[in-house]
Amino acid sequence: MYQRAIKLPNINDVYAFHKRINEVSCDVDLVSENFHYTVDAKSLMGILSMNLTSTVIIRAITNEEKIMHQIDKIIKDMHIEGDME
């Protein structure tokens, strides 16, 4: 399983993230900081329904290194890495 903290501080980041994450070939979720709320990261409406003022967790159920590196590249390119507490 792949899991990292990210921040999507503005609407432009949300749209860019949504576009790029849809290129990933596995299921990807966003999980609220307190782990009470999970949405499909490929759903724009799901992303917009989250509290994006705080860090969210990106989670992919995969063991494929290629996919993990692809998600890492998206996070790095967009400068959206957050702190996992």
N, C-alpha and C. Protein backbone atom coordinates (compact mmCIF):
# COMPACT_ATOMS: atom_id res chain seq x y z
N MET A 1 0.85 -1.18 0.00
CA MET A 1 0.00 0.00 0.00
C MET A 1 0.89 1.24 0.00
N TYR A 2 0.46 2.24 -0.70
CA TYR A 2 1.16 3.52 -0.79
C TYR A 2 0.36 4.54 0.02
N GLN A 3 1.05 5.36 0.80
CA GLN A 3 0.37 6.36 1.60
C GLN A 3 1.29 7.55 1.85
N ARG A 4 0.81 8.76 1.57
CA ARG A 4 1.56 9.99 1.82
C ARG A 4 0.61 11.11 2.15
N ALA A 5 1.11 12.08 2.88
CA ALA A 5 0.33 13.26 3.21
C ALA A 5 0.54 14.32 2.14
N ILE A 6 -0.56 14.98 1.77
CA ILE A 6 -0.48 16.07 0.80
C ILE A 6 -1.35 17.23 1.25
N LYS A 7 -1.11 18.38 0.63
CA LYS A 7 -1.96 19.55 0.84
C LYS A 7 -2.41 20.05 -0.52
N LEU A 8 -3.66 20.40 -0.63
CA LEU A 8 -4.21 20.98 -1.84
C LEU A 8 -4.76 22.35 -1.46
N PRO A 9 -3.89 23.35 -1.35
CA PRO A 9 -4.26 24.63 -0.74
C PRO A 9 -5.16 25.53 -1.57
N ASN A 10 -5.28 25.28 -2.87
CA ASN A 10 -6.16 26.16 -3.65
C ASN A 10 -6.84 25.37 -4.77
N ILE A 11 -7.82 25.98 -5.37
CA ILE A 11 -8.65 25.30 -6.37
C ILE A 11 -7.84 24.89 -7.59
N ASN A 12 -6.84 25.67 -7.96
CA ASN A 12 -5.99 25.31 -9.10
C ASN A 12 -5.23 24.03 -8.82
N ASP A 13 -4.74 23.86 -7.58
CA ASP A 13 -4.06 22.62 -7.20
C ASP A 13 -5.02 21.44 -7.24
N VAL A 14 -6.24 21.65 -6.82
CA VAL A 14 -7.25 20.57 -6.84
C VAL A 14 -7.48 20.10 -8.27
N TYR A 15 -7.70 21.05 -9.19
CA TYR A 15 -7.95 20.67 -10.58
C TYR A 15 -6.73 19.99 -11.21
N ALA A 16 -5.54 20.52 -10.95
CA ALA A 16 -4.31 19.92 -11.51
C ALA A 16 -4.09 18.52 -10.94
N PHE A 17 -4.30 18.37 -9.63
CA PHE A 17 -4.15 17.06 -8.99
C PHE A 17 -5.15 16.06 -9.58
N HIS A 18 -6.40 16.47 -9.71
CA HIS A 18 -7.44 15.61 -10.26
C HIS A 18 -7.06 15.14 -11.66
N LYS A 19 -6.60 16.03 -12.50
CA LYS A 19 -6.21 15.68 -13.86
C LYS A 19 -5.06 14.67 -13.87
N ARG A 20 -4.04 14.92 -13.06
CA ARG A 20 -2.86 14.05 -13.05
C ARG A 20 -3.13 12.70 -12.38
N ILE A 21 -3.93 12.68 -11.31
CA ILE A 21 -4.15 11.42 -10.59
C ILE A 21 -5.02 10.47 -11.42
N ASN A 22 -5.81 11.00 -12.33
CA ASN A 22 -6.62 10.15 -13.20
C ASN A 22 -5.78 9.37 -14.19
N GLU A 23 -4.50 9.71 -14.34
CA GLU A 23 -3.59 8.97 -15.21
C GLU A 23 -3.04 7.72 -14.53
N VAL A 24 -3.22 7.60 -13.22
CA VAL A 24 -2.70 6.47 -12.45
C VAL A 24 -3.63 5.27 -12.67
N SER A 25 -3.02 4.10 -12.89
CA SER A 25 -3.81 2.93 -13.27
C SER A 25 -4.26 2.05 -12.11
N CYS A 26 -4.46 2.64 -10.94
CA CYS A 26 -5.03 1.87 -9.83
C CYS A 26 -5.98 2.78 -9.06
N ASP A 27 -6.72 2.20 -8.14
CA ASP A 27 -7.63 3.00 -7.30
C ASP A 27 -6.81 3.84 -6.34
N VAL A 28 -7.20 5.10 -6.22
CA VAL A 28 -6.51 6.03 -5.33
C VAL A 28 -7.58 6.74 -4.51
N ASP A 29 -7.35 6.82 -3.20
CA ASP A 29 -8.28 7.49 -2.30
C ASP A 29 -7.60 8.68 -1.64
N LEU A 30 -8.42 9.61 -1.17
CA LEU A 30 -7.96 10.66 -0.27
C LEU A 30 -8.67 10.43 1.05
N VAL A 31 -7.91 10.49 2.12
CA VAL A 31 -8.42 10.21 3.46
C VAL A 31 -8.21 11.44 4.31
N SER A 32 -9.23 11.80 5.09
CA SER A 32 -9.09 12.97 5.97
C SER A 32 -8.04 12.70 7.03
N GLU A 33 -7.51 13.77 7.57
CA GLU A 33 -6.44 13.70 8.56
C GLU A 33 -6.80 12.81 9.75
N ASN A 34 -8.05 12.82 10.14
CA ASN A 34 -8.48 12.01 11.28
C ASN A 34 -8.97 10.61 10.87
N PHE A 35 -8.81 10.27 9.59
CA PHE A 35 -9.17 8.96 9.03
C PHE A 35 -10.66 8.64 9.11
N HIS A 36 -11.52 9.65 9.25
CA HIS A 36 -12.96 9.41 9.34
C HIS A 36 -13.67 9.54 8.01
N TYR A 37 -12.99 10.10 7.01
CA TYR A 37 -13.65 10.42 5.75
C TYR A 37 -12.74 10.01 4.60
N THR A 38 -13.25 9.19 3.69
CA THR A 38 -12.47 8.73 2.55
C THR A 38 -13.26 8.98 1.28
N VAL A 39 -12.56 9.51 0.25
CA VAL A 39 -13.20 9.74 -1.05
C VAL A 39 -12.30 9.18 -2.15
N ASP A 40 -12.89 8.95 -3.29
CA ASP A 40 -12.16 8.53 -4.47
C ASP A 40 -11.37 9.73 -4.98
N ALA A 41 -10.05 9.61 -5.06
CA ALA A 41 -9.21 10.73 -5.49
C ALA A 41 -9.41 11.06 -6.97
N LYS A 42 -10.05 10.17 -7.71
CA LYS A 42 -10.30 10.42 -9.12
C LYS A 42 -11.65 11.10 -9.35
N SER A 43 -12.35 11.41 -8.25
CA SER A 43 -13.64 12.08 -8.32
C SER A 43 -13.46 13.54 -7.91
N LEU A 44 -13.66 14.43 -8.86
CA LEU A 44 -13.52 15.87 -8.55
C LEU A 44 -14.51 16.28 -7.46
N MET A 45 -15.73 15.80 -7.55
CA MET A 45 -16.73 16.14 -6.52
C MET A 45 -16.31 15.59 -5.16
N GLY A 46 -15.73 14.40 -5.14
CA GLY A 46 -15.24 13.84 -3.89
C GLY A 46 -14.16 14.70 -3.27
N ILE A 47 -13.19 15.11 -4.09
CA ILE A 47 -12.11 15.96 -3.59
C ILE A 47 -12.66 17.27 -3.05
N LEU A 48 -13.56 17.89 -3.80
CA LEU A 48 -14.11 19.18 -3.38
C LEU A 48 -14.98 19.08 -2.13
N SER A 49 -15.44 17.86 -1.81
CA SER A 49 -16.27 17.70 -0.61
C SER A 49 -15.43 17.60 0.67
N MET A 50 -14.11 17.48 0.52
CA MET A 50 -13.23 17.33 1.68
C MET A 50 -12.85 18.68 2.27
N ASN A 51 -12.43 18.67 3.52
CA ASN A 51 -11.87 19.85 4.16
C ASN A 51 -10.43 19.97 3.69
N LEU A 52 -10.18 20.85 2.75
CA LEU A 52 -8.85 20.97 2.16
C LEU A 52 -8.00 22.04 2.85
N THR A 53 -8.48 22.54 3.98
CA THR A 53 -7.67 23.49 4.74
C THR A 53 -6.61 22.79 5.56
N SER A 54 -6.72 21.47 5.66
CA SER A 54 -5.72 20.70 6.40
C SER A 54 -5.13 19.62 5.50
N THR A 55 -4.16 18.93 6.00
CA THR A 55 -3.51 17.86 5.27
C THR A 55 -4.47 16.70 5.04
N VAL A 56 -4.38 16.07 3.87
CA VAL A 56 -5.12 14.85 3.58
C VAL A 56 -4.11 13.76 3.22
N ILE A 57 -4.54 12.54 3.32
CA ILE A 57 -3.67 11.40 3.04
C ILE A 57 -4.07 10.82 1.68
N ILE A 58 -3.09 10.68 0.80
CA ILE A 58 -3.33 9.98 -0.46
C ILE A 58 -2.95 8.53 -0.24
N ARG A 59 -3.86 7.64 -0.65
CA ARG A 59 -3.66 6.21 -0.39
C ARG A 59 -3.98 5.42 -1.66
N ALA A 60 -3.05 4.56 -2.05
CA ALA A 60 -3.26 3.69 -3.21
C ALA A 60 -2.98 2.25 -2.77
N ILE A 61 -3.88 1.37 -3.11
CA ILE A 61 -3.71 -0.04 -2.78
C ILE A 61 -2.95 -0.68 -3.93
N THR A 62 -1.62 -0.67 -3.82
CA THR A 62 -0.77 -1.24 -4.85
C THR A 62 0.59 -1.58 -4.26
N ASN A 63 1.21 -2.56 -4.84
CA ASN A 63 2.59 -2.90 -4.50
C ASN A 63 3.51 -2.67 -5.69
N GLU A 64 2.96 -2.12 -6.76
CA GLU A 64 3.74 -1.89 -7.98
C GLU A 64 4.61 -0.64 -7.83
N GLU A 65 5.90 -0.84 -7.90
CA GLU A 65 6.86 0.26 -7.76
C GLU A 65 6.61 1.35 -8.80
N LYS A 66 6.28 0.96 -10.02
CA LYS A 66 6.04 1.93 -11.11
C LYS A 66 4.92 2.90 -10.74
N ILE A 67 3.84 2.37 -10.18
CA ILE A 67 2.71 3.22 -9.80
C ILE A 67 3.09 4.12 -8.62
N MET A 68 3.80 3.57 -7.65
CA MET A 68 4.22 4.37 -6.50
C MET A 68 5.13 5.51 -6.95
N HIS A 69 6.03 5.24 -7.87
CA HIS A 69 6.91 6.29 -8.39
C HIS A 69 6.12 7.33 -9.18
N GLN A 70 5.10 6.89 -9.90
CA GLN A 70 4.25 7.81 -10.65
C GLN A 70 3.54 8.78 -9.71
N ILE A 71 2.99 8.26 -8.62
CA ILE A 71 2.31 9.13 -7.65
C ILE A 71 3.32 10.05 -6.97
N ASP A 72 4.49 9.52 -6.60
CA ASP A 72 5.54 10.37 -6.02
C ASP A 72 5.90 11.52 -6.94
N LYS A 73 5.99 11.23 -8.24
CA LYS A 73 6.34 12.26 -9.21
C LYS A 73 5.26 13.34 -9.28
N ILE A 74 4.01 12.93 -9.25
CA ILE A 74 2.91 13.90 -9.26
C ILE A 74 3.03 14.83 -8.05
N ILE A 75 3.24 14.26 -6.88
CA ILE A 75 3.36 15.05 -5.65
C ILE A 75 4.56 15.97 -5.71
N LYS A 76 5.69 15.46 -6.18
CA LYS A 76 6.90 16.28 -6.27
C LYS A 76 6.73 17.40 -7.29
N ASP A 77 6.23 17.08 -8.47
CA ASP A 77 6.06 18.09 -9.52
C ASP A 77 5.10 19.20 -9.10
N MET A 78 4.08 18.84 -8.33
CA MET A 78 3.07 19.83 -7.93
C MET A 78 3.43 20.56 -6.63
N HIS A 79 4.46 20.10 -5.93
CA HIS A 79 4.87 20.71 -4.66
C HIS A 79 3.72 20.72 -3.64
N ILE A 80 3.09 19.56 -3.47
CA ILE A 80 1.93 19.47 -2.58
C ILE A 80 2.17 18.53 -1.40
N GLU A 81 3.42 18.18 -1.14
CA GLU A 81 3.72 17.29 -0.05
C GLU A 81 3.32 17.93 1.28
N GLY A 82 2.70 17.15 2.14
CA GLY A 82 2.27 17.63 3.45
C GLY A 82 2.97 16.86 4.56
N ASP A 83 2.61 17.16 5.77
CA ASP A 83 3.17 16.48 6.94
C ASP A 83 2.17 15.47 7.46
N MET A 84 2.66 14.26 7.70
CA MET A 84 1.82 13.22 8.29
C MET A 84 2.00 13.26 9.79
N GLU A 85 0.93 13.47 10.51
CA GLU A 85 1.03 13.59 11.97
C GLU A 85 0.51 12.36 12.64
